[in-house]
Protein backbone atom coordinates (compact mmCIF):
# COMPACT_ATOMS: atom_id res chain seq x y z
CA UNK A 1 -25.51 -40.03 -65.98
CA UNK A 2 -28.56 -38.05 -66.55
CA UNK A 3 -30.56 -36.99 -63.55
CA UNK A 4 -34.12 -38.06 -63.28
CA UNK A 5 -36.65 -35.30 -63.10
CA UNK A 6 -39.51 -35.72 -60.69
CA UNK A 7 -42.66 -36.99 -62.30
CA UNK A 8 -44.75 -34.39 -60.57
CA UNK A 9 -43.12 -30.96 -60.79
CA UNK A 10 -45.49 -29.51 -58.13
CA UNK A 11 -44.04 -31.70 -55.34
CA UNK A 12 -40.53 -31.03 -54.08
CA UNK A 13 -40.17 -34.45 -52.44
CA UNK A 14 -41.48 -37.52 -54.24
CA UNK A 15 -43.26 -40.12 -52.07
CA UNK A 16 -40.23 -42.46 -52.12
CA UNK A 17 -38.02 -39.76 -50.76
CA UNK A 18 -40.54 -38.99 -47.97
CA UNK A 19 -40.48 -42.64 -46.94
CA UNK A 20 -36.65 -42.60 -46.87
CA UNK A 21 -36.81 -39.53 -44.62
CA UNK A 22 -39.29 -41.29 -42.34
CA UNK A 23 -37.06 -44.37 -42.13
CA UNK A 24 -34.03 -42.20 -41.46
CA UNK A 25 -35.97 -40.35 -38.75
CA UNK A 26 -37.02 -43.64 -37.17
CA UNK A 27 -33.49 -45.06 -37.23
CA UNK A 28 -31.43 -41.98 -36.41
CA UNK A 29 -33.91 -39.39 -35.18
CA UNK A 30 -33.34 -39.93 -31.49
CA UNK A 31 -29.57 -39.86 -31.91
CA UNK A 32 -29.71 -36.71 -34.02
CA UNK A 33 -31.87 -34.95 -31.46
CA UNK A 34 -29.47 -35.99 -28.66
CA UNK A 35 -26.49 -34.71 -30.67
CA UNK A 36 -28.29 -31.47 -31.39
CA UNK A 37 -29.10 -31.06 -27.69
CA UNK A 38 -25.50 -31.82 -26.76
CA UNK A 39 -24.19 -29.35 -29.32
CA UNK A 40 -26.64 -26.70 -28.12
CA UNK A 41 -25.61 -27.38 -24.51
CA UNK A 42 -21.90 -27.22 -25.39
CA UNK A 43 -22.45 -24.04 -27.35
CA UNK A 44 -24.26 -22.46 -24.39
CA UNK A 45 -21.48 -23.58 -22.02
CA UNK A 46 -18.85 -22.16 -24.36
CA UNK A 47 -20.71 -18.89 -24.59
CA UNK A 48 -20.96 -18.76 -20.77
CA UNK A 49 -17.23 -19.47 -20.48
CA UNK A 50 -16.42 -16.79 -23.05
CA UNK A 51 -18.58 -14.30 -21.14
CA UNK A 52 -16.96 -15.35 -17.86
CA UNK A 53 -13.47 -15.01 -19.34
CA UNK A 54 -14.36 -11.57 -20.71
CA UNK A 55 -15.52 -10.47 -17.25
CA UNK A 56 -12.40 -11.93 -15.65
CA UNK A 57 -10.19 -10.11 -18.14
CA UNK A 58 -12.06 -6.87 -17.48
CA UNK A 59 -11.62 -7.33 -13.71
CA UNK A 60 -7.91 -8.04 -14.18
CA UNK A 61 -7.54 -4.94 -16.37
CA UNK A 62 -9.27 -2.87 -13.69
CA UNK A 63 -7.05 -4.33 -10.95
CA UNK A 64 -3.92 -3.74 -13.03
CA UNK A 65 -4.97 -0.16 -13.72
CA UNK A 66 -5.63 0.46 -10.04
CA UNK A 67 -2.30 -1.08 -9.05
CA UNK A 68 -0.46 1.00 -11.64
CA UNK A 69 -2.14 4.14 -10.30
CA UNK A 70 -1.11 3.18 -6.75
CA UNK A 71 2.47 2.56 -7.87
CA UNK A 72 2.51 5.86 -9.74
CA UNK A 73 1.27 7.74 -6.65
CA UNK A 74 3.80 5.91 -4.49
CA UNK A 75 6.63 6.72 -6.88
CA UNK A 76 5.62 10.38 -7.04
CA UNK A 77 5.46 10.51 -3.24
CA UNK A 78 8.93 8.94 -2.95
CA UNK A 79 10.30 11.35 -5.54
CA UNK A 80 8.85 14.28 -3.60
CA UNK A 81 10.35 12.99 -0.35
CA UNK A 82 13.72 12.52 -2.01
CA UNK A 83 13.57 16.00 -3.54
CA UNK A 84 12.66 17.49 -0.14
CA UNK A 85 15.48 15.59 1.58
CA UNK A 86 17.96 16.75 -1.06
CA UNK A 87 16.76 20.34 -0.71
CA UNK A 88 17.22 20.15 3.07
CA UNK A 89 20.69 18.65 2.65
CA UNK A 90 21.57 21.39 0.18
CA UNK A 91 20.38 24.06 2.60
CA UNK A 92 22.48 22.55 5.38
CA UNK A 93 25.56 22.42 3.16
CA UNK A 94 24.91 26.01 2.10
CA UNK A 95 24.64 27.12 5.75
CA UNK A 96 27.84 25.26 6.62
CA UNK A 97 29.61 26.82 3.67
CA UNK A 98 28.40 30.32 4.60
CA UNK A 99 29.50 29.72 8.19
CA UNK A 100 32.92 28.52 7.00
CA UNK A 101 33.23 31.56 4.71
CA UNK A 102 32.31 33.90 7.59
CA UNK A 103 34.85 32.17 9.84
CA UNK A 104 37.54 32.42 7.17
CA UNK A 105 36.74 36.11 6.56
CA UNK A 106 36.88 36.81 10.28
CA UNK A 107 40.16 34.88 10.61
CA UNK A 108 41.70 36.68 7.64
CA UNK A 109 40.49 40.03 8.91
CA UNK A 110 41.97 39.30 12.33
CA UNK A 111 45.25 38.22 10.77
CA UNK A 112 45.31 41.38 8.66
CA UNK A 113 44.61 43.50 11.73
CA UNK A 114 47.32 41.70 13.69
CA UNK A 115 49.85 42.16 10.88
CA UNK A 116 48.87 45.79 10.44
CA UNK A 117 49.27 46.39 14.15
CA UNK A 118 52.61 44.64 14.12
CA UNK A 119 53.75 46.74 11.18
CA UNK A 120 52.50 49.89 12.88
CA UNK A 121 54.40 48.91 16.00
CA UNK A 122 57.60 48.24 14.08
CA UNK A 123 57.49 51.14 11.67
CA UNK A 124 59.08 54.37 12.57
CA UNK A 125 56.77 57.28 12.89
CA UNK A 126 57.62 60.30 10.62
CA UNK A 127 57.63 62.73 13.48
CA UNK A 128 59.96 60.56 15.50
CA UNK A 129 62.19 60.12 12.46
CA UNK A 130 62.21 63.90 11.97
CA UNK A 131 63.17 64.39 15.62
CA UNK A 132 65.85 61.75 15.37
CA UNK A 133 67.31 63.34 12.25
CA UNK A 134 67.27 66.80 13.88
CA UNK A 135 69.08 65.46 16.91
CA UNK A 136 71.59 63.75 14.67
CA UNK A 137 72.07 66.95 12.67
CA UNK A 138 72.48 68.93 15.90
CA UNK A 139 75.10 66.50 17.16
CA UNK A 140 76.93 66.65 13.86
CA UNK A 141 76.80 70.44 13.89
CA UNK A 142 78.43 70.50 17.37
């Protein structure tokens, strides 16, 4: 179908169309305004909720960051305490080991001295051996 062109090209709405708009406004105008107000109200509420959620998320991010920092500090503190405790334990073990080594050295030295003294006591002195051999030679010569 061919469209009808307005009779008066200077007017954008012909008088019949204006009357249809007026009738539509009379019949549905109040409802349209109520719907527009409701939509505007809902849109404002949604925007408020979005803003509120954004703030809540930001607060949660801040709290999480703070908690992570606290946990990190706590972990570092525990690691330092553990390292210090291990260092102290290592020093104690080292002291015990040094003490045990010193005791063992002293014991071995004492045993060596005792054995040396025993060997000295049991060994025949050269001079005494020389005397003994001279006496033996003198007896054999007689």
